[in-house]
Amino acid sequence: MGAATWIFGYGSLIWRPSFPFVARRRAVLADHARRFWQGSTDHRGVPGAPGRVVTLIEATGEACVGVAYAIADDTRAAVLAHLDAREQGGYTRIEAWLTLTEADARDGEARRSGPERVRAVVYRADPTCAEWLGDAPLAEMAAQIRAAHGPSGPNAEYVLRLAEALRALDARDAHVEALALALRS
């Protein structure tokens, strides 16, 4: 793929990218973990009753598995503008190194080579953003998620769809699995 622009999806971008792409690969972001520590008042909650969505935290020795999408050069500006608007609720666009693993059957590649490292665009929130919620006890997070609903639907749906998408990627994420289990109980 050469110097393609790659976008890393670790939350709803896994199952709903909403932009054109030319390749889709399973990807790993080293030394990071996915956490439901970001508030959402624009998609999965509303002002005064935020939902919880994922962000990335630095976590030495851990790995966040997601999906990387290669986008065509002629769509780069439009895709990034679209994602800047979609991820406006406290996310900042950064770049990070990903390890791409096997090709997704949908991207048409018959790639059987080993892992490949690429630079990718990543949207991440951190404690400096206004919508940051941070850590909380699992039961408290589950109760907040169960109660939250926004323009993109129920917050619980987001958690359960993410858990399902990660299972399809054969990606174990204890934090997501614990929340999904709490919501199903």
N, C-alpha and C. Protein backbone atom coordinates (compact mmCIF):
# COMPACT_ATOMS: atom_id res chain seq x y z
N MET A 1 0.81 -1.19 0.00
CA MET A 1 0.00 0.00 0.00
C MET A 1 0.85 1.25 0.00
N GLY A 2 2.10 1.13 0.36
CA GLY A 2 3.00 2.28 0.29
C GLY A 2 2.65 3.36 1.28
N ALA A 3 2.52 4.59 0.79
CA ALA A 3 2.30 5.76 1.64
C ALA A 3 0.81 6.08 1.80
N ALA A 4 -0.02 5.09 1.84
CA ALA A 4 -1.47 5.31 2.00
C ALA A 4 -1.73 5.98 3.35
N THR A 5 -2.84 6.68 3.43
CA THR A 5 -3.28 7.22 4.72
C THR A 5 -4.13 6.15 5.38
N TRP A 6 -3.75 5.80 6.61
CA TRP A 6 -4.47 4.80 7.38
C TRP A 6 -5.21 5.49 8.53
N ILE A 7 -6.41 5.01 8.81
CA ILE A 7 -7.24 5.49 9.91
C ILE A 7 -7.42 4.31 10.87
N PHE A 8 -7.19 4.51 12.18
CA PHE A 8 -7.35 3.43 13.15
C PHE A 8 -8.71 3.56 13.83
N GLY A 9 -9.48 2.50 13.76
CA GLY A 9 -10.77 2.43 14.44
C GLY A 9 -10.69 1.45 15.60
N TYR A 10 -11.06 1.91 16.78
CA TYR A 10 -11.02 1.04 17.97
C TYR A 10 -12.34 1.07 18.71
N GLY A 11 -13.31 1.84 18.24
CA GLY A 11 -14.65 1.92 18.81
C GLY A 11 -15.66 1.70 17.70
N SER A 12 -16.59 2.64 17.54
CA SER A 12 -17.64 2.47 16.54
C SER A 12 -17.10 2.46 15.11
N LEU A 13 -15.91 2.97 14.88
CA LEU A 13 -15.34 2.90 13.52
C LEU A 13 -15.11 1.45 13.10
N ILE A 14 -15.02 0.53 14.04
CA ILE A 14 -14.83 -0.88 13.67
C ILE A 14 -16.04 -1.38 12.89
N TRP A 15 -17.24 -1.10 13.37
CA TRP A 15 -18.43 -1.63 12.69
C TRP A 15 -19.16 -0.60 11.84
N ARG A 16 -18.82 0.68 11.98
CA ARG A 16 -19.51 1.72 11.20
C ARG A 16 -18.52 2.79 10.77
N PRO A 17 -17.67 2.48 9.76
CA PRO A 17 -16.67 3.46 9.38
C PRO A 17 -17.26 4.72 8.75
N SER A 18 -18.32 4.64 8.00
CA SER A 18 -19.03 5.78 7.40
C SER A 18 -18.19 6.62 6.45
N PHE A 19 -17.17 6.04 5.85
CA PHE A 19 -16.37 6.73 4.84
C PHE A 19 -15.83 5.69 3.87
N PRO A 20 -15.48 6.12 2.65
CA PRO A 20 -14.95 5.15 1.68
C PRO A 20 -13.51 4.77 2.02
N PHE A 21 -13.19 3.50 1.83
CA PHE A 21 -11.82 3.03 2.08
C PHE A 21 -11.45 2.01 1.01
N VAL A 22 -10.14 1.83 0.82
CA VAL A 22 -9.67 0.91 -0.21
C VAL A 22 -9.14 -0.39 0.38
N ALA A 23 -8.88 -0.42 1.67
CA ALA A 23 -8.43 -1.64 2.33
C ALA A 23 -8.81 -1.57 3.80
N ARG A 24 -9.04 -2.73 4.38
CA ARG A 24 -9.39 -2.85 5.80
C ARG A 24 -8.54 -3.96 6.38
N ARG A 25 -7.79 -3.65 7.45
CA ARG A 25 -6.92 -4.64 8.06
C ARG A 25 -7.09 -4.64 9.57
N ARG A 26 -6.96 -5.81 10.17
CA ARG A 26 -6.90 -5.91 11.63
C ARG A 26 -5.62 -5.20 12.04
N ALA A 27 -5.67 -4.42 13.10
CA ALA A 27 -4.51 -3.62 13.49
C ALA A 27 -4.34 -3.60 15.00
N VAL A 28 -3.11 -3.41 15.44
CA VAL A 28 -2.80 -3.39 16.86
C VAL A 28 -2.03 -2.11 17.17
N LEU A 29 -2.48 -1.40 18.20
CA LEU A 29 -1.79 -0.23 18.72
C LEU A 29 -1.14 -0.64 20.03
N ALA A 30 0.17 -0.72 20.05
CA ALA A 30 0.90 -1.19 21.23
C ALA A 30 0.90 -0.14 22.33
N ASP A 31 1.01 -0.64 23.55
CA ASP A 31 1.15 0.20 24.75
C ASP A 31 -0.03 1.15 24.97
N HIS A 32 -1.20 0.71 24.53
CA HIS A 32 -2.45 1.46 24.73
C HIS A 32 -3.57 0.50 25.10
N ALA A 33 -4.55 1.01 25.80
CA ALA A 33 -5.73 0.23 26.16
C ALA A 33 -6.98 1.07 25.88
N ARG A 34 -8.05 0.38 25.54
CA ARG A 34 -9.35 1.00 25.25
C ARG A 34 -10.11 1.09 26.57
N ARG A 35 -10.68 2.26 26.87
CA ARG A 35 -11.44 2.44 28.10
C ARG A 35 -12.68 3.30 27.84
N PHE A 36 -13.75 2.99 28.55
CA PHE A 36 -15.00 3.77 28.47
C PHE A 36 -14.90 4.96 29.43
N TRP A 37 -13.97 5.84 29.17
CA TRP A 37 -13.70 6.98 30.05
C TRP A 37 -14.07 8.31 29.41
N GLN A 38 -14.58 8.30 28.19
CA GLN A 38 -14.93 9.53 27.48
C GLN A 38 -16.44 9.74 27.51
N GLY A 39 -16.87 10.93 27.85
CA GLY A 39 -18.29 11.26 27.82
C GLY A 39 -18.76 11.52 26.41
N SER A 40 -20.02 11.26 26.16
CA SER A 40 -20.63 11.53 24.85
C SER A 40 -21.96 12.24 25.06
N THR A 41 -21.98 13.50 24.68
CA THR A 41 -23.24 14.26 24.72
C THR A 41 -23.75 14.55 23.31
N ASP A 42 -23.03 14.04 22.30
CA ASP A 42 -23.43 14.30 20.92
C ASP A 42 -23.85 13.04 20.15
N HIS A 43 -23.50 11.86 20.67
CA HIS A 43 -23.86 10.62 19.97
C HIS A 43 -24.63 9.64 20.87
N ARG A 44 -24.08 9.29 22.03
CA ARG A 44 -24.66 8.25 22.88
C ARG A 44 -25.17 8.78 24.22
N GLY A 45 -25.33 10.08 24.28
CA GLY A 45 -25.88 10.74 25.45
C GLY A 45 -26.27 12.14 25.06
N VAL A 46 -26.66 12.93 26.02
CA VAL A 46 -27.05 14.32 25.77
C VAL A 46 -26.45 15.20 26.87
N PRO A 47 -26.39 16.50 26.65
CA PRO A 47 -25.89 17.37 27.72
C PRO A 47 -26.69 17.14 29.01
N GLY A 48 -25.98 17.02 30.11
CA GLY A 48 -26.61 16.75 31.39
C GLY A 48 -26.78 15.27 31.69
N ALA A 49 -26.72 14.44 30.66
CA ALA A 49 -26.83 12.98 30.83
C ALA A 49 -25.92 12.30 29.80
N PRO A 50 -24.61 12.47 29.96
CA PRO A 50 -23.69 11.92 28.97
C PRO A 50 -23.64 10.39 28.99
N GLY A 51 -23.41 9.84 27.81
CA GLY A 51 -23.10 8.42 27.71
C GLY A 51 -21.61 8.24 27.89
N ARG A 52 -21.16 7.01 27.82
CA ARG A 52 -19.73 6.70 27.89
C ARG A 52 -19.32 5.99 26.61
N VAL A 53 -18.25 6.49 26.00
CA VAL A 53 -17.69 5.89 24.80
C VAL A 53 -16.20 5.67 25.02
N VAL A 54 -15.58 4.93 24.12
CA VAL A 54 -14.18 4.58 24.35
C VAL A 54 -13.21 5.65 23.91
N THR A 55 -12.10 5.65 24.60
CA THR A 55 -10.92 6.40 24.20
C THR A 55 -9.73 5.49 24.47
N LEU A 56 -8.55 6.00 24.22
CA LEU A 56 -7.33 5.25 24.45
C LEU A 56 -6.55 5.85 25.60
N ILE A 57 -5.98 4.99 26.41
CA ILE A 57 -5.06 5.45 27.45
C ILE A 57 -3.73 4.75 27.23
N GLU A 58 -2.67 5.41 27.63
CA GLU A 58 -1.36 4.76 27.55
C GLU A 58 -1.30 3.67 28.60
N ALA A 59 -0.84 2.50 28.20
CA ALA A 59 -0.78 1.34 29.09
C ALA A 59 0.36 0.44 28.64
N THR A 60 1.52 0.65 29.22
CA THR A 60 2.71 -0.10 28.85
C THR A 60 2.45 -1.61 28.93
N GLY A 61 2.81 -2.28 27.86
CA GLY A 61 2.67 -3.73 27.81
C GLY A 61 1.33 -4.22 27.30
N GLU A 62 0.34 -3.34 27.21
CA GLU A 62 -0.97 -3.75 26.68
C GLU A 62 -1.03 -3.45 25.19
N ALA A 63 -2.07 -3.94 24.54
CA ALA A 63 -2.26 -3.71 23.11
C ALA A 63 -3.74 -3.54 22.83
N CYS A 64 -4.07 -2.55 22.05
CA CYS A 64 -5.46 -2.30 21.64
C CYS A 64 -5.63 -2.80 20.22
N VAL A 65 -6.49 -3.80 20.05
CA VAL A 65 -6.77 -4.36 18.73
C VAL A 65 -7.97 -3.64 18.15
N GLY A 66 -7.85 -3.27 16.88
CA GLY A 66 -8.94 -2.62 16.17
C GLY A 66 -8.81 -2.88 14.69
N VAL A 67 -9.26 -1.92 13.91
CA VAL A 67 -9.23 -2.04 12.46
C VAL A 67 -8.59 -0.79 11.88
N ALA A 68 -7.73 -1.00 10.89
CA ALA A 68 -7.14 0.12 10.16
C ALA A 68 -7.74 0.15 8.76
N TYR A 69 -8.09 1.34 8.33
CA TYR A 69 -8.66 1.54 6.99
C TYR A 69 -7.69 2.38 6.18
N ALA A 70 -7.36 1.93 4.99
CA ALA A 70 -6.56 2.73 4.06
C ALA A 70 -7.54 3.55 3.23
N ILE A 71 -7.26 4.83 3.12
CA ILE A 71 -8.12 5.68 2.30
C ILE A 71 -7.33 6.20 1.10
N ALA A 72 -8.04 6.39 0.02
CA ALA A 72 -7.43 6.87 -1.22
C ALA A 72 -7.00 8.33 -1.07
N ASP A 73 -5.92 8.67 -1.74
CA ASP A 73 -5.41 10.05 -1.67
C ASP A 73 -6.47 11.07 -2.07
N ASP A 74 -7.28 10.75 -3.09
CA ASP A 74 -8.25 11.74 -3.56
C ASP A 74 -9.45 11.91 -2.62
N THR A 75 -9.57 11.05 -1.60
CA THR A 75 -10.65 11.22 -0.62
C THR A 75 -10.13 11.66 0.75
N ARG A 76 -8.81 11.76 0.90
CA ARG A 76 -8.19 12.04 2.20
C ARG A 76 -8.78 13.27 2.88
N ALA A 77 -8.81 14.39 2.19
CA ALA A 77 -9.30 15.63 2.81
C ALA A 77 -10.75 15.51 3.24
N ALA A 78 -11.59 14.93 2.39
CA ALA A 78 -13.01 14.78 2.73
C ALA A 78 -13.21 13.80 3.88
N VAL A 79 -12.48 12.69 3.89
CA VAL A 79 -12.62 11.71 4.96
C VAL A 79 -12.18 12.30 6.30
N LEU A 80 -11.04 13.00 6.31
CA LEU A 80 -10.58 13.60 7.56
C LEU A 80 -11.53 14.69 8.05
N ALA A 81 -12.09 15.48 7.14
CA ALA A 81 -13.08 16.50 7.54
C ALA A 81 -14.32 15.83 8.14
N HIS A 82 -14.76 14.73 7.52
CA HIS A 82 -15.91 13.99 8.03
C HIS A 82 -15.62 13.44 9.43
N LEU A 83 -14.44 12.85 9.61
CA LEU A 83 -14.09 12.28 10.91
C LEU A 83 -13.87 13.37 11.96
N ASP A 84 -13.31 14.50 11.56
CA ASP A 84 -13.14 15.61 12.51
C ASP A 84 -14.50 16.03 13.05
N ALA A 85 -15.53 16.05 12.20
CA ALA A 85 -16.88 16.41 12.64
C ALA A 85 -17.49 15.29 13.48
N ARG A 86 -17.33 14.06 13.04
CA ARG A 86 -17.91 12.91 13.77
C ARG A 86 -17.29 12.77 15.16
N GLU A 87 -16.01 13.02 15.28
CA GLU A 87 -15.29 12.82 16.53
C GLU A 87 -15.09 14.13 17.30
N GLN A 88 -15.92 15.12 17.04
CA GLN A 88 -15.73 16.44 17.64
C GLN A 88 -15.99 16.50 19.14
N GLY A 89 -16.62 15.50 19.71
CA GLY A 89 -16.96 15.53 21.12
C GLY A 89 -15.78 15.28 22.04
N GLY A 90 -14.70 15.98 21.84
CA GLY A 90 -13.56 15.89 22.75
C GLY A 90 -12.37 15.11 22.23
N TYR A 91 -12.45 14.61 21.02
CA TYR A 91 -11.35 13.83 20.46
C TYR A 91 -10.38 14.73 19.71
N THR A 92 -9.11 14.38 19.79
CA THR A 92 -8.05 15.07 19.09
C THR A 92 -7.45 14.10 18.08
N ARG A 93 -7.12 14.62 16.92
CA ARG A 93 -6.49 13.80 15.89
C ARG A 93 -4.99 13.75 16.15
N ILE A 94 -4.47 12.52 16.29
CA ILE A 94 -3.03 12.31 16.47
C ILE A 94 -2.56 11.29 15.45
N GLU A 95 -1.27 11.04 15.42
CA GLU A 95 -0.73 9.97 14.60
C GLU A 95 -0.01 8.99 15.50
N ALA A 96 -0.07 7.71 15.15
CA ALA A 96 0.58 6.67 15.94
C ALA A 96 0.98 5.53 15.02
N TRP A 97 1.94 4.73 15.47
CA TRP A 97 2.35 3.55 14.73
C TRP A 97 1.45 2.38 15.07
N LEU A 98 0.96 1.71 14.04
CA LEU A 98 0.14 0.51 14.17
C LEU A 98 0.88 -0.68 13.56
N THR A 99 0.54 -1.85 14.03
CA THR A 99 0.97 -3.07 13.37
C THR A 99 -0.26 -3.67 12.70
N LEU A 100 -0.21 -3.78 11.38
CA LEU A 100 -1.30 -4.39 10.62
C LEU A 100 -1.07 -5.88 10.58
N THR A 101 -2.12 -6.63 10.81
CA THR A 101 -2.01 -8.08 10.75
C THR A 101 -2.75 -8.56 9.52
N GLU A 102 -3.45 -9.66 9.59
CA GLU A 102 -4.05 -10.25 8.39
C GLU A 102 -5.03 -9.30 7.70
N ALA A 103 -5.14 -9.51 6.38
CA ALA A 103 -6.08 -8.72 5.58
C ALA A 103 -7.50 -9.15 5.88
N ASP A 104 -8.42 -8.23 5.75
CA ASP A 104 -9.84 -8.52 5.87
C ASP A 104 -10.32 -9.03 4.51
N ALA A 105 -11.13 -10.05 4.51
CA ALA A 105 -11.61 -10.63 3.25
C ALA A 105 -12.33 -9.60 2.40
N ARG A 106 -12.90 -8.57 3.02
CA ARG A 106 -13.67 -7.58 2.27
C ARG A 106 -12.79 -6.61 1.49
N ASP A 107 -11.49 -6.54 1.79
CA ASP A 107 -10.69 -5.56 1.08
C ASP A 107 -10.10 -6.09 -0.23
N GLY A 108 -10.38 -7.35 -0.54
CA GLY A 108 -9.98 -7.90 -1.83
C GLY A 108 -8.51 -8.27 -1.92
N GLU A 109 -7.76 -8.08 -0.85
CA GLU A 109 -6.34 -8.41 -0.89
C GLU A 109 -6.15 -9.88 -0.56
N ALA A 110 -5.22 -10.50 -1.23
CA ALA A 110 -4.88 -11.89 -0.93
C ALA A 110 -3.57 -11.90 -0.14
N ARG A 111 -3.39 -10.92 0.70
CA ARG A 111 -2.14 -10.73 1.44
C ARG A 111 -1.95 -11.88 2.44
N ARG A 112 -0.83 -12.50 2.38
CA ARG A 112 -0.49 -13.55 3.33
C ARG A 112 0.85 -13.25 3.99
N SER A 113 1.36 -12.04 3.77
CA SER A 113 2.65 -11.69 4.35
C SER A 113 2.50 -11.42 5.84
N GLY A 114 3.61 -11.23 6.50
CA GLY A 114 3.60 -11.00 7.93
C GLY A 114 3.13 -9.61 8.29
N PRO A 115 3.22 -9.28 9.57
CA PRO A 115 2.78 -7.97 10.05
C PRO A 115 3.51 -6.83 9.36
N GLU A 116 2.85 -5.70 9.27
CA GLU A 116 3.39 -4.51 8.62
C GLU A 116 3.14 -3.32 9.54
N ARG A 117 4.16 -2.48 9.75
CA ARG A 117 3.99 -1.28 10.58
C ARG A 117 3.68 -0.09 9.69
N VAL A 118 2.65 0.67 10.09
CA VAL A 118 2.27 1.86 9.35
C VAL A 118 1.96 2.99 10.32
N ARG A 119 2.06 4.19 9.85
CA ARG A 119 1.67 5.38 10.60
C ARG A 119 0.19 5.59 10.32
N ALA A 120 -0.62 5.88 11.36
CA ALA A 120 -2.06 6.00 11.17
C ALA A 120 -2.61 7.21 11.91
N VAL A 121 -3.71 7.71 11.43
CA VAL A 121 -4.47 8.76 12.10
C VAL A 121 -5.33 8.08 13.17
N VAL A 122 -5.29 8.62 14.37
CA VAL A 122 -6.04 8.07 15.50
C VAL A 122 -6.76 9.23 16.19
N TYR A 123 -8.02 9.03 16.53
CA TYR A 123 -8.78 10.02 17.30
C TYR A 123 -8.80 9.54 18.75
N ARG A 124 -8.32 10.41 19.65
CA ARG A 124 -8.19 10.04 21.05
C ARG A 124 -8.58 11.22 21.93
N ALA A 125 -9.27 10.92 23.02
CA ALA A 125 -9.59 11.94 24.03
C ALA A 125 -8.64 11.73 25.20
N ASP A 126 -8.45 12.76 25.98
CA ASP A 126 -7.59 12.64 27.15
C ASP A 126 -8.17 13.49 28.29
N PRO A 127 -7.57 13.42 29.47
CA PRO A 127 -8.13 14.12 30.64
C PRO A 127 -8.27 15.64 30.48
N THR A 128 -7.66 16.23 29.48
CA THR A 128 -7.78 17.68 29.31
C THR A 128 -9.06 18.09 28.58
N CYS A 129 -9.77 17.14 28.00
CA CYS A 129 -10.97 17.52 27.23
C CYS A 129 -12.18 17.68 28.16
N ALA A 130 -13.08 18.55 27.76
CA ALA A 130 -14.24 18.89 28.60
C ALA A 130 -15.18 17.71 28.85
N GLU A 131 -15.22 16.74 27.96
CA GLU A 131 -16.15 15.61 28.10
C GLU A 131 -15.53 14.41 28.81
N TRP A 132 -14.30 14.53 29.28
CA TRP A 132 -13.60 13.43 29.94
C TRP A 132 -14.33 13.04 31.22
N LEU A 133 -14.61 11.76 31.39
CA LEU A 133 -15.26 11.25 32.60
C LEU A 133 -14.28 10.48 33.48
N GLY A 134 -13.31 9.84 32.87
CA GLY A 134 -12.33 9.07 33.62
C GLY A 134 -12.89 7.76 34.13
N ASP A 135 -12.10 7.13 34.97
CA ASP A 135 -12.43 5.82 35.50
C ASP A 135 -13.55 5.94 36.54
N ALA A 136 -14.25 4.85 36.73
CA ALA A 136 -15.31 4.74 37.75
C ALA A 136 -15.51 3.25 38.02
N PRO A 137 -16.12 2.90 39.12
CA PRO A 137 -16.42 1.49 39.37
C PRO A 137 -17.29 0.92 38.23
N LEU A 138 -17.08 -0.34 37.92
CA LEU A 138 -17.79 -0.99 36.82
C LEU A 138 -19.30 -0.84 36.95
N ALA A 139 -19.85 -1.07 38.14
CA ALA A 139 -21.31 -0.97 38.32
C ALA A 139 -21.81 0.44 38.04
N GLU A 140 -21.03 1.44 38.41
CA GLU A 140 -21.40 2.84 38.16
C GLU A 140 -21.37 3.14 36.66
N MET A 141 -20.33 2.67 35.98
CA MET A 141 -20.25 2.87 34.52
C MET A 141 -21.42 2.17 33.83
N ALA A 142 -21.71 0.94 34.23
CA ALA A 142 -22.81 0.19 33.60
C ALA A 142 -24.15 0.89 33.82
N ALA A 143 -24.37 1.43 35.00
CA ALA A 143 -25.63 2.14 35.28
C ALA A 143 -25.74 3.39 34.41
N GLN A 144 -24.66 4.12 34.28
CA GLN A 144 -24.67 5.32 33.44
C GLN A 144 -24.92 4.95 31.98
N ILE A 145 -24.27 3.91 31.50
CA ILE A 145 -24.43 3.47 30.12
C ILE A 145 -25.85 2.97 29.88
N ARG A 146 -26.39 2.22 30.82
CA ARG A 146 -27.76 1.70 30.69
C ARG A 146 -28.77 2.84 30.56
N ALA A 147 -28.54 3.94 31.26
CA ALA A 147 -29.49 5.06 31.28
C ALA A 147 -29.31 6.03 30.12
N ALA A 148 -28.15 6.03 29.49
CA ALA A 148 -27.84 7.04 28.47
C ALA A 148 -28.40 6.69 27.10
N HIS A 149 -28.85 7.72 26.41
CA HIS A 149 -29.39 7.59 25.05
C HIS A 149 -29.14 8.91 24.35
N GLY A 150 -28.68 8.84 23.12
CA GLY A 150 -28.40 10.07 22.37
C GLY A 150 -28.85 9.94 20.93
N PRO A 151 -28.49 10.92 20.10
CA PRO A 151 -28.90 10.92 18.69
C PRO A 151 -28.48 9.67 17.91
N SER A 152 -27.40 9.02 18.32
CA SER A 152 -26.95 7.80 17.63
C SER A 152 -27.53 6.53 18.24
N GLY A 153 -28.37 6.68 19.27
CA GLY A 153 -29.02 5.52 19.86
C GLY A 153 -28.62 5.29 21.31
N PRO A 154 -29.07 4.17 21.86
CA PRO A 154 -28.77 3.84 23.25
C PRO A 154 -27.27 3.59 23.46
N ASN A 155 -26.77 4.07 24.58
CA ASN A 155 -25.37 3.87 24.90
C ASN A 155 -25.05 2.38 25.05
N ALA A 156 -25.97 1.61 25.62
CA ALA A 156 -25.74 0.18 25.80
C ALA A 156 -25.52 -0.52 24.46
N GLU A 157 -26.24 -0.09 23.43
CA GLU A 157 -26.06 -0.66 22.10
C GLU A 157 -24.62 -0.49 21.63
N TYR A 158 -24.03 0.67 21.89
CA TYR A 158 -22.64 0.94 21.51
C TYR A 158 -21.70 -0.08 22.16
N VAL A 159 -21.87 -0.31 23.46
CA VAL A 159 -21.02 -1.26 24.18
C VAL A 159 -21.19 -2.67 23.61
N LEU A 160 -22.42 -3.09 23.43
CA LEU A 160 -22.68 -4.46 22.96
C LEU A 160 -22.23 -4.67 21.52
N ARG A 161 -22.39 -3.65 20.68
CA ARG A 161 -21.90 -3.77 19.29
C ARG A 161 -20.39 -3.82 19.25
N LEU A 162 -19.74 -3.04 20.13
CA LEU A 162 -18.28 -3.07 20.18
C LEU A 162 -17.80 -4.45 20.64
N ALA A 163 -18.43 -4.99 21.66
CA ALA A 163 -18.05 -6.33 22.15
C ALA A 163 -18.20 -7.36 21.03
N GLU A 164 -19.29 -7.27 20.29
CA GLU A 164 -19.53 -8.20 19.17
C GLU A 164 -18.48 -8.03 18.08
N ALA A 165 -18.16 -6.79 17.74
CA ALA A 165 -17.17 -6.51 16.70
C ALA A 165 -15.79 -7.02 17.12
N LEU A 166 -15.45 -6.88 18.39
CA LEU A 166 -14.16 -7.36 18.86
C LEU A 166 -14.09 -8.89 18.84
N ARG A 167 -15.20 -9.55 19.17
CA ARG A 167 -15.24 -11.02 19.07
C ARG A 167 -15.02 -11.45 17.63
N ALA A 168 -15.63 -10.74 16.68
CA ALA A 168 -15.46 -11.06 15.26
C ALA A 168 -14.01 -10.89 14.81
N LEU A 169 -13.29 -9.99 15.47
CA LEU A 169 -11.86 -9.79 15.16
C LEU A 169 -10.97 -10.74 15.95
N ASP A 170 -11.58 -11.57 16.79
CA ASP A 170 -10.84 -12.44 17.70
C ASP A 170 -9.91 -11.60 18.58
N ALA A 171 -10.46 -10.51 19.09
CA ALA A 171 -9.71 -9.57 19.92
C ALA A 171 -10.31 -9.56 21.31
N ARG A 172 -9.54 -9.98 22.27
CA ARG A 172 -10.00 -10.01 23.66
C ARG A 172 -9.75 -8.66 24.31
N ASP A 173 -10.78 -8.08 24.92
CA ASP A 173 -10.65 -6.82 25.65
C ASP A 173 -11.43 -6.96 26.95
N ALA A 174 -10.72 -7.18 28.04
CA ALA A 174 -11.36 -7.46 29.32
C ALA A 174 -12.27 -6.33 29.78
N HIS A 175 -11.89 -5.07 29.52
CA HIS A 175 -12.70 -3.92 29.94
C HIS A 175 -14.05 -3.91 29.21
N VAL A 176 -14.01 -4.09 27.90
CA VAL A 176 -15.24 -4.11 27.10
C VAL A 176 -16.09 -5.32 27.48
N GLU A 177 -15.46 -6.48 27.64
CA GLU A 177 -16.20 -7.69 28.00
C GLU A 177 -16.87 -7.56 29.35
N ALA A 178 -16.20 -6.95 30.32
CA ALA A 178 -16.79 -6.78 31.66
C ALA A 178 -18.01 -5.86 31.59
N LEU A 179 -17.91 -4.78 30.85
CA LEU A 179 -19.06 -3.88 30.72
C LEU A 179 -20.21 -4.54 29.99
N ALA A 180 -19.90 -5.25 28.92
CA ALA A 180 -20.96 -5.93 28.16
C ALA A 180 -21.67 -6.96 29.05
N LEU A 181 -20.90 -7.70 29.82
CA LEU A 181 -21.50 -8.68 30.74
C LEU A 181 -22.38 -8.00 31.78
N ALA A 182 -21.92 -6.89 32.33
CA ALA A 182 -22.70 -6.14 33.32
C ALA A 182 -24.00 -5.63 32.71
N LEU A 183 -23.97 -5.22 31.44
CA LEU A 183 -25.18 -4.71 30.78
C LEU A 183 -26.16 -5.82 30.45
N ARG A 184 -25.65 -7.03 30.20
CA ARG A 184 -26.53 -8.16 29.88
C ARG A 184 -27.16 -8.75 31.14
N SER A 185 -26.57 -8.47 32.30
CA SER A 185 -27.06 -9.06 33.57
C SER A 185 -28.29 -8.35 34.08
